[in-house]
Protein backbone atom coordinates (compact mmCIF):
# COMPACT_ATOMS: atom_id res chain seq x y z
CA MET A 1 155.28 27.70 108.63
CA PRO A 2 154.80 27.66 112.40
CA GLU A 3 153.87 24.50 114.16
CA PHE A 4 150.15 23.65 113.82
CA THR A 5 148.75 23.52 117.30
CA THR A 6 145.33 25.17 116.90
CA PRO A 7 142.37 22.76 116.60
CA ASP A 8 141.17 22.27 112.99
CA LEU A 9 137.76 23.83 113.58
CA TRP A 10 139.35 26.95 115.03
CA LEU A 11 141.67 27.15 112.00
CA ILE A 12 138.65 26.95 109.69
CA LEU A 13 137.02 29.73 111.72
CA TRP A 14 140.05 32.00 111.36
CA ILE A 15 140.27 31.31 107.67
CA ALA A 16 136.65 32.40 107.37
CA VAL A 17 137.19 35.50 109.44
CA GLY A 18 140.26 36.44 107.43
CA TYR A 19 138.46 35.91 104.15
CA LEU A 20 135.40 37.91 105.16
CA LEU A 21 137.49 40.78 106.39
CA GLY A 22 139.59 40.74 103.25
CA SER A 23 136.56 40.70 100.98
CA ILE A 24 135.23 44.05 102.21
CA PRO A 25 135.47 46.17 99.01
CA PHE A 26 136.76 49.36 100.55
CA GLY A 27 137.68 50.87 97.14
CA LEU A 28 134.15 50.59 95.99
CA VAL A 29 132.84 51.99 99.29
CA SER A 30 135.31 54.87 99.31
CA ALA A 31 134.47 55.88 95.75
CA ARG A 32 130.80 55.98 96.52
CA ILE A 33 131.27 57.92 99.76
CA PHE A 34 133.02 60.66 97.78
CA GLY A 35 130.46 60.54 95.03
CA LEU A 36 132.74 59.07 92.36
CA GLY A 37 130.40 56.39 91.20
CA ASP A 38 131.35 52.76 90.55
CA VAL A 39 135.13 52.51 90.42
CA ARG A 40 134.82 49.32 88.45
CA LYS A 41 133.62 51.34 85.48
CA ILE A 42 136.78 53.49 85.23
CA GLY A 43 140.43 52.79 84.39
CA SER A 44 141.37 49.19 84.84
CA GLY A 45 138.06 48.38 86.64
CA ASN A 46 140.04 47.41 89.70
CA ILE A 47 138.80 48.21 93.19
CA GLY A 48 142.23 49.05 94.62
CA ALA A 49 143.72 52.42 95.58
CA THR A 50 145.68 52.82 92.34
CA ASN A 51 142.55 52.65 90.22
CA VAL A 52 140.63 54.91 92.67
CA LEU A 53 143.46 57.44 92.17
CA ARG A 54 142.63 57.50 88.46
CA THR A 55 139.44 59.34 89.35
CA GLY A 56 141.71 62.26 90.33
CA HIS A 57 140.39 62.12 93.92
CA LYS A 58 143.42 61.67 96.15
CA PRO A 59 141.51 61.50 99.49
CA ALA A 60 139.38 58.60 98.25
CA ALA A 61 142.52 56.76 97.02
CA ALA A 62 144.27 57.40 100.40
CA LEU A 63 141.28 56.13 102.29
CA THR A 64 141.13 53.05 100.14
CA LEU A 65 144.82 52.45 100.68
CA VAL A 66 144.54 52.71 104.47
CA LEU A 67 141.42 50.59 104.77
CA ASP A 68 142.66 47.85 102.47
CA ALA A 69 145.88 47.67 104.50
CA ALA A 70 143.94 47.73 107.76
CA LYS A 71 141.76 44.71 106.87
CA GLY A 72 144.89 42.61 106.40
CA ALA A 73 146.38 43.90 109.70
CA VAL A 74 143.16 43.34 111.61
CA ALA A 75 142.91 39.75 110.43
CA VAL A 76 146.43 39.15 111.70
CA LEU A 77 145.99 40.93 115.00
CA LEU A 78 142.65 39.34 115.85
CA ALA A 79 143.97 35.85 115.11
CA ARG A 80 147.09 36.50 117.14
CA HIS A 81 145.06 37.64 120.12
CA PHE A 82 142.68 34.73 120.13
CA ALA A 83 144.70 31.94 118.57
CA GLY A 84 148.20 30.74 117.69
CA GLU A 85 150.67 31.73 114.89
CA ASP A 86 149.25 28.94 112.71
CA ALA A 87 145.92 30.60 112.67
CA VAL A 88 147.54 34.02 112.20
CA GLN A 89 149.20 33.01 108.99
CA LEU A 90 146.15 31.26 107.59
CA ALA A 91 143.96 34.25 108.45
CA ALA A 92 146.49 36.52 106.72
CA LEU A 93 146.48 34.39 103.55
CA ALA A 94 142.68 34.19 103.64
CA ALA A 95 142.39 37.99 103.99
CA PHE A 96 144.63 38.49 100.94
CA PHE A 97 142.58 35.94 99.03
CA GLY A 98 139.39 37.61 100.11
CA HIS A 99 140.58 40.95 98.81
CA CYS A 100 141.50 39.43 95.41
CA PHE A 101 138.35 37.28 95.17
CA PRO A 102 135.55 38.86 97.23
CA VAL A 103 132.34 36.88 97.41
CA TRP A 104 130.27 40.08 97.38
CA LEU A 105 131.60 41.12 93.97
CA GLY A 106 131.35 37.86 92.09
CA PHE A 107 134.98 36.98 93.12
CA ARG A 108 136.37 39.94 91.14
CA GLY A 109 138.48 42.06 93.44
CA GLY A 110 141.64 43.95 93.66
CA LYS A 111 145.33 42.96 93.30
CA GLY A 112 146.05 42.86 97.02
CA VAL A 113 149.11 45.15 97.39
CA ALA A 114 147.74 47.31 100.22
CA THR A 115 146.45 44.20 101.97
CA PHE A 116 149.78 42.54 101.48
CA LEU A 117 151.56 45.49 103.17
CA GLY A 118 149.01 45.59 106.04
CA ILE A 119 149.50 41.88 106.68
CA TRP A 120 153.24 42.29 106.95
CA LEU A 121 153.09 45.43 109.16
CA ALA A 122 151.02 43.50 111.65
CA LEU A 123 152.66 40.07 111.28
CA ALA A 124 156.31 41.22 111.36
CA PRO A 125 156.57 45.01 111.57
CA MET A 126 160.24 45.24 110.33
CA VAL A 127 159.35 43.10 107.27
CA GLY A 128 156.38 45.32 106.69
CA ILE A 129 158.46 48.48 106.88
CA ALA A 130 161.02 46.98 104.50
CA CYS A 131 158.23 46.03 102.04
CA CYS A 132 156.70 49.51 102.26
CA ALA A 133 160.16 51.08 101.69
CA THR A 134 160.80 48.79 98.73
CA TRP A 135 157.43 49.73 97.20
CA LEU A 136 157.99 53.43 97.72
CA LEU A 137 161.52 53.40 96.27
CA ALA A 138 160.62 51.25 93.23
CA ALA A 139 157.46 53.16 92.56
CA ALA A 140 159.19 56.56 92.94
CA LEU A 141 161.98 55.56 90.55
CA SER A 142 159.70 54.05 87.91
CA ARG A 143 156.58 56.12 88.50
CA ILE A 144 154.65 52.85 87.99
CA SER A 145 152.66 51.36 90.83
CA SER A 146 152.93 47.77 89.66
CA VAL A 147 156.72 47.92 89.63
CA GLY A 148 156.61 48.95 93.29
CA ALA A 149 154.23 46.15 94.10
CA LEU A 150 156.14 43.46 92.32
CA ALA A 151 159.47 44.64 93.81
CA ALA A 152 158.00 44.59 97.37
CA ALA A 153 156.49 41.10 96.90
CA ALA A 154 159.64 39.70 95.27
CA LEU A 155 161.88 40.89 98.11
CA SER A 156 159.51 39.92 100.95
CA PRO A 157 161.02 36.43 101.40
CA LEU A 158 164.42 38.00 101.75
CA TRP A 159 163.14 40.57 104.27
CA ALA A 160 161.44 37.83 106.25
CA LEU A 161 164.71 35.94 106.50
CA LEU A 162 166.80 39.02 107.35
CA PHE A 163 164.36 40.33 110.04
CA GLY A 164 163.78 37.09 111.95
CA ALA A 165 160.43 36.00 110.48
CA GLN A 166 161.67 32.66 109.23
CA THR A 167 158.41 30.90 110.11
CA ALA A 168 156.61 33.25 107.71
CA VAL A 169 158.89 32.62 104.66
CA LEU A 170 156.47 30.09 103.20
CA LEU A 171 153.63 32.63 103.62
CA SER A 172 155.83 35.23 101.83
CA PHE A 173 156.23 32.89 98.80
CA ALA A 174 152.53 32.14 98.76
CA LEU A 175 151.68 35.91 98.76
CA LEU A 176 154.31 36.49 96.09
CA ALA A 177 152.82 33.84 93.89
CA LEU A 178 149.36 35.36 94.23
CA ILE A 179 150.64 38.90 93.51
CA LEU A 180 152.41 37.63 90.39
CA TRP A 181 149.16 35.93 89.35
CA ARG A 182 147.10 39.01 90.00
CA HIS A 183 149.61 41.21 88.11
CA TRP A 184 150.14 39.12 85.00
CA GLN A 185 148.47 41.65 82.80
CA ASN A 186 150.60 44.43 84.34
CA ILE A 187 153.68 42.31 83.66
CA GLN A 188 152.68 41.97 80.00
CA ARG A 189 152.18 45.71 79.73
CA LEU A 190 155.49 46.39 81.40
CA ARG A 191 157.17 44.21 78.77
CA ASP A 192 155.24 46.10 76.05
CA GLY A 193 156.03 49.48 77.54
CA THR A 194 152.32 50.36 77.91
CA GLU A 195 151.89 50.19 81.64
CA PRO A 196 150.34 53.47 82.84
CA ARG A 197 152.18 55.67 85.32
CA ILE A 198 150.96 56.64 88.80
CA GLY A 199 148.18 59.17 88.65
CA ALA A 200 147.53 58.76 84.95
CA ARG A 201 143.81 58.51 84.09
CA ARG A 202 142.69 55.77 81.81
CA LYS A 203 139.35 55.65 80.07
């Protein structure tokens, strides 16, 4: 972690800003913009891009992916502009937490992969690029979204070390722990061989 130099009240403010940004349910909004109904009532019930894709509407899924990534990036960039790196990392973690547990939806949100990638692209671009490449490669080889997500999260501490983001290594482990927590059902299905492949529709 970076040295804590920002006053406590300002840190609390940036945690709140990050959480509120992260809690915007763009998957739900995108699905309704395109007339797809409540995405929580299809597939896994998740509000992330992977479940939006199960509607068969690729533009809605792409919009969800971009906006979910953007809210993580915006939390980082705003905090970096107005405060120090301590506030940046807390805002990033809060944005991720907000996506997973949004107050507007009874604390039932997404799994945070797009927001995770957006955070890294803004926080340490080379780490973000490496995480995106890891996700794409693992997902392409397995045709399973959760495999890509888990691989990207698992390797993020290594990428942070290799690409000079040593002060963010603790953050990378915190995000990894949260992603593992949010994907525990996926991990069980992977072990059982029942995890759906990318683009597959589930009733």
